[in-house]
């Protein structure tokens, strides 16, 4: 019984430590992300994600006689989330 209590205590301490560390996550450097990607981004505070989108303006796509523009889905995007892991 003593072994189970010891293991349970260690588990609870681990969970508490992980929870405290997740609250102290490293902030995103959105300026550096925009500089490196060459694209403006948007931060979503609810999900703690910074997303940059890049229209693929060099593509010339035509289907059924209709020219598709980047606004019709010809974009690439990347999202970034903060983490204290290297």
N, C-alpha and C. Protein backbone atom coordinates (compact mmCIF):
# COMPACT_ATOMS: atom_id res chain seq x y z
N UNK A 1 0.83 -1.20 0.00
CA UNK A 1 0.00 0.00 0.00
C UNK A 1 0.87 1.26 0.00
N UNK A 2 1.98 1.20 0.74
CA UNK A 2 2.88 2.35 0.82
C UNK A 2 3.49 2.65 -0.55
N UNK A 3 3.78 1.60 -1.32
CA UNK A 3 4.35 1.77 -2.66
C UNK A 3 3.35 2.47 -3.59
N UNK A 4 2.09 2.12 -3.51
CA UNK A 4 1.06 2.73 -4.34
C UNK A 4 0.90 4.21 -3.99
N UNK A 5 0.92 4.53 -2.72
CA UNK A 5 0.81 5.93 -2.29
C UNK A 5 2.01 6.73 -2.78
N UNK A 6 3.19 6.15 -2.72
CA UNK A 6 4.39 6.83 -3.19
C UNK A 6 4.32 7.08 -4.69
N UNK A 7 3.91 6.07 -5.45
CA UNK A 7 3.78 6.23 -6.90
C UNK A 7 2.72 7.27 -7.26
N UNK A 8 1.62 7.26 -6.54
CA UNK A 8 0.55 8.23 -6.78
C UNK A 8 1.03 9.65 -6.48
N UNK A 9 1.79 9.81 -5.41
CA UNK A 9 2.33 11.12 -5.05
C UNK A 9 3.29 11.62 -6.13
N UNK A 10 4.15 10.76 -6.62
CA UNK A 10 5.09 11.14 -7.68
C UNK A 10 4.33 11.54 -8.94
N UNK A 11 3.30 10.77 -9.28
CA UNK A 11 2.49 11.07 -10.47
C UNK A 11 1.82 12.44 -10.32
N UNK A 12 1.23 12.72 -9.16
CA UNK A 12 0.55 14.00 -8.95
C UNK A 12 1.54 15.17 -8.99
N UNK A 13 2.73 14.98 -8.45
CA UNK A 13 3.75 16.03 -8.52
C UNK A 13 4.17 16.28 -9.97
N UNK A 14 4.29 15.22 -10.75
CA UNK A 14 4.63 15.36 -12.16
C UNK A 14 3.56 16.15 -12.90
N UNK A 15 2.31 15.83 -12.67
CA UNK A 15 1.19 16.53 -13.33
C UNK A 15 1.18 18.00 -12.92
N UNK A 16 1.38 18.28 -11.65
CA UNK A 16 1.38 19.67 -11.18
C UNK A 16 2.53 20.46 -11.79
N UNK A 17 3.69 19.85 -11.91
CA UNK A 17 4.84 20.52 -12.51
C UNK A 17 4.60 20.78 -13.99
N UNK A 18 4.09 19.81 -14.70
CA UNK A 18 3.81 19.97 -16.14
C UNK A 18 2.77 21.05 -16.35
N UNK A 19 1.77 21.11 -15.49
CA UNK A 19 0.73 22.12 -15.60
C UNK A 19 1.31 23.52 -15.37
N UNK A 20 2.17 23.67 -14.38
CA UNK A 20 2.79 24.97 -14.11
C UNK A 20 3.69 25.39 -15.26
N UNK A 21 4.42 24.46 -15.85
CA UNK A 21 5.30 24.79 -16.96
C UNK A 21 4.52 25.21 -18.19
N UNK A 22 3.36 24.60 -18.44
CA UNK A 22 2.59 24.96 -19.62
C UNK A 22 2.03 26.37 -19.51
N UNK A 23 1.78 26.85 -18.29
CA UNK A 23 1.31 28.21 -18.11
C UNK A 23 2.43 29.22 -18.36
N UNK A 24 3.69 28.80 -18.20
CA UNK A 24 4.83 29.68 -18.39
C UNK A 24 5.46 29.48 -19.76
N UNK A 25 4.66 29.12 -20.76
CA UNK A 25 5.19 28.84 -22.10
C UNK A 25 5.86 30.08 -22.68
N UNK A 26 6.84 29.86 -23.49
CA UNK A 26 7.59 30.93 -24.11
C UNK A 26 6.68 31.69 -25.08
N UNK A 27 6.76 33.02 -25.05
CA UNK A 27 5.94 33.83 -25.95
C UNK A 27 6.49 33.75 -27.37
N UNK A 28 5.59 33.82 -28.33
CA UNK A 28 6.00 33.79 -29.73
C UNK A 28 6.58 35.14 -30.14
N UNK A 29 7.64 35.13 -30.92
CA UNK A 29 8.19 36.34 -31.50
C UNK A 29 7.59 36.49 -32.89
N UNK A 30 6.40 37.09 -32.94
CA UNK A 30 5.67 37.18 -34.20
C UNK A 30 6.37 38.06 -35.22
N UNK A 31 7.10 39.06 -34.76
CA UNK A 31 7.84 39.93 -35.66
C UNK A 31 8.92 39.13 -36.40
N UNK A 32 9.61 38.26 -35.69
CA UNK A 32 10.64 37.45 -36.32
C UNK A 32 10.02 36.44 -37.30
N UNK A 33 8.89 35.88 -36.95
CA UNK A 33 8.21 34.94 -37.85
C UNK A 33 7.83 35.66 -39.15
N UNK A 34 7.27 36.87 -39.02
CA UNK A 34 6.89 37.62 -40.22
C UNK A 34 8.12 38.00 -41.05
N UNK A 35 9.22 38.34 -40.39
CA UNK A 35 10.44 38.68 -41.12
C UNK A 35 10.98 37.47 -41.87
N UNK A 36 11.03 36.32 -41.21
CA UNK A 36 11.58 35.12 -41.84
C UNK A 36 10.71 34.58 -42.96
N UNK A 37 9.38 34.67 -42.80
CA UNK A 37 8.48 34.14 -43.83
C UNK A 37 8.19 35.15 -44.92
N UNK A 38 8.36 36.43 -44.63
CA UNK A 38 8.03 37.47 -45.60
C UNK A 38 6.54 37.66 -45.77
N UNK A 39 5.76 37.21 -44.79
CA UNK A 39 4.30 37.31 -44.87
C UNK A 39 3.75 37.86 -43.56
N UNK A 40 2.67 38.62 -43.66
CA UNK A 40 1.99 39.11 -42.47
C UNK A 40 1.17 37.97 -41.88
N UNK A 41 1.03 37.97 -40.56
CA UNK A 41 0.28 36.91 -39.90
C UNK A 41 -0.77 37.44 -38.96
N UNK A 42 -1.54 36.51 -38.42
CA UNK A 42 -2.60 36.83 -37.44
C UNK A 42 -2.44 35.92 -36.25
N UNK A 43 -2.60 36.50 -35.04
CA UNK A 43 -2.51 35.72 -33.81
C UNK A 43 -3.91 35.41 -33.30
N UNK A 44 -4.15 34.15 -32.99
CA UNK A 44 -5.42 33.72 -32.41
C UNK A 44 -5.18 33.44 -30.93
N UNK A 45 -5.57 34.37 -30.04
CA UNK A 45 -5.29 34.19 -28.61
C UNK A 45 -6.03 33.00 -27.99
N UNK A 46 -7.17 32.63 -28.55
CA UNK A 46 -7.94 31.51 -28.00
C UNK A 46 -7.17 30.19 -28.10
N UNK A 47 -6.51 29.97 -29.24
CA UNK A 47 -5.75 28.73 -29.43
C UNK A 47 -4.25 28.95 -29.29
N UNK A 48 -3.82 30.18 -29.03
CA UNK A 48 -2.42 30.53 -28.87
C UNK A 48 -1.60 30.14 -30.10
N UNK A 49 -2.14 30.47 -31.28
CA UNK A 49 -1.52 30.12 -32.55
C UNK A 49 -1.33 31.38 -33.40
N UNK A 50 -0.16 31.47 -34.03
CA UNK A 50 0.13 32.55 -34.96
C UNK A 50 0.17 31.94 -36.36
N UNK A 51 -0.64 32.46 -37.28
CA UNK A 51 -0.76 31.86 -38.61
C UNK A 51 -0.38 32.88 -39.68
N UNK A 52 0.49 32.45 -40.61
CA UNK A 52 0.83 33.28 -41.77
C UNK A 52 0.31 32.58 -43.02
N UNK A 53 -0.23 33.38 -43.94
CA UNK A 53 -0.73 32.85 -45.21
C UNK A 53 -0.01 33.54 -46.35
N UNK A 54 0.30 32.78 -47.37
CA UNK A 54 1.01 33.31 -48.53
C UNK A 54 0.28 32.92 -49.80
N UNK A 55 -0.28 33.89 -50.52
CA UNK A 55 -0.94 33.57 -51.78
C UNK A 55 0.08 33.11 -52.82
N UNK A 56 -0.28 32.14 -53.59
CA UNK A 56 0.61 31.60 -54.63
C UNK A 56 0.31 32.34 -55.94
N UNK A 57 0.79 33.58 -56.02
CA UNK A 57 0.47 34.45 -57.16
C UNK A 57 1.17 34.02 -58.44
N UNK A 58 2.20 33.21 -58.33
CA UNK A 58 2.94 32.78 -59.52
C UNK A 58 2.23 31.65 -60.26
N UNK A 59 1.20 31.05 -59.67
CA UNK A 59 0.48 29.96 -60.31
C UNK A 59 -0.54 30.52 -61.30
N UNK A 60 -0.61 29.94 -62.45
CA UNK A 60 -1.62 30.28 -63.45
C UNK A 60 -2.48 29.03 -63.65
N UNK A 61 -3.63 29.00 -62.96
CA UNK A 61 -4.48 27.81 -62.99
C UNK A 61 -5.79 28.15 -63.70
N UNK A 62 -6.15 27.29 -64.63
CA UNK A 62 -7.38 27.47 -65.38
C UNK A 62 -8.12 26.13 -65.41
N UNK A 63 -9.38 26.15 -65.05
CA UNK A 63 -10.19 24.93 -65.09
C UNK A 63 -11.55 25.26 -65.69
N UNK A 64 -11.97 24.47 -66.65
CA UNK A 64 -13.24 24.66 -67.35
C UNK A 64 -13.36 26.08 -67.91
N UNK A 65 -12.21 26.62 -68.35
CA UNK A 65 -12.20 27.95 -68.95
C UNK A 65 -12.22 29.09 -67.93
N UNK A 66 -12.15 28.78 -66.65
CA UNK A 66 -12.19 29.79 -65.60
C UNK A 66 -10.82 29.91 -64.95
N UNK A 67 -10.28 31.13 -64.92
CA UNK A 67 -9.01 31.36 -64.26
C UNK A 67 -9.22 31.41 -62.74
N UNK A 68 -8.45 30.61 -62.03
CA UNK A 68 -8.54 30.61 -60.56
C UNK A 68 -7.53 31.59 -59.99
N UNK A 69 -7.96 32.35 -59.02
CA UNK A 69 -7.09 33.32 -58.35
C UNK A 69 -6.68 32.77 -56.98
N UNK A 70 -5.64 33.34 -56.37
CA UNK A 70 -5.24 32.88 -55.03
C UNK A 70 -6.38 32.95 -54.01
N UNK A 71 -7.29 33.91 -54.18
CA UNK A 71 -8.42 34.03 -53.25
C UNK A 71 -9.35 32.82 -53.31
N UNK A 72 -9.27 32.04 -54.38
CA UNK A 72 -10.11 30.85 -54.52
C UNK A 72 -9.43 29.60 -53.97
N UNK A 73 -8.43 29.79 -53.14
CA UNK A 73 -7.82 28.65 -52.46
C UNK A 73 -6.40 28.32 -52.87
N UNK A 74 -5.79 29.16 -53.67
CA UNK A 74 -4.41 28.90 -54.10
C UNK A 74 -3.44 29.59 -53.14
N UNK A 75 -3.46 29.17 -51.90
CA UNK A 75 -2.59 29.76 -50.88
C UNK A 75 -1.87 28.66 -50.11
N UNK A 76 -0.79 29.06 -49.47
CA UNK A 76 -0.09 28.18 -48.53
C UNK A 76 -0.11 28.88 -47.18
N UNK A 77 -0.10 28.12 -46.12
CA UNK A 77 -0.08 28.74 -44.79
C UNK A 77 0.73 27.88 -43.84
N UNK A 78 1.15 28.52 -42.78
CA UNK A 78 1.87 27.84 -41.71
C UNK A 78 1.41 28.42 -40.40
N UNK A 79 1.29 27.59 -39.38
CA UNK A 79 0.91 28.08 -38.06
C UNK A 79 1.99 27.75 -37.05
N UNK A 80 2.12 28.63 -36.05
CA UNK A 80 3.16 28.49 -35.04
C UNK A 80 2.53 28.57 -33.67
N UNK A 81 3.03 27.71 -32.77
CA UNK A 81 2.54 27.68 -31.40
C UNK A 81 3.75 27.73 -30.48
N UNK A 82 3.64 28.42 -29.37
CA UNK A 82 4.78 28.55 -28.47
C UNK A 82 5.02 27.26 -27.69
N UNK A 83 6.28 27.02 -27.39
CA UNK A 83 6.67 25.85 -26.63
C UNK A 83 7.99 26.13 -25.95
N UNK A 84 8.23 25.53 -24.80
CA UNK A 84 9.50 25.71 -24.12
C UNK A 84 10.48 24.61 -24.49
N UNK A 85 10.10 23.72 -25.39
CA UNK A 85 10.98 22.65 -25.83
C UNK A 85 11.87 23.13 -26.96
N UNK A 86 13.08 22.65 -27.00
CA UNK A 86 14.02 23.05 -28.05
C UNK A 86 14.14 21.96 -29.07
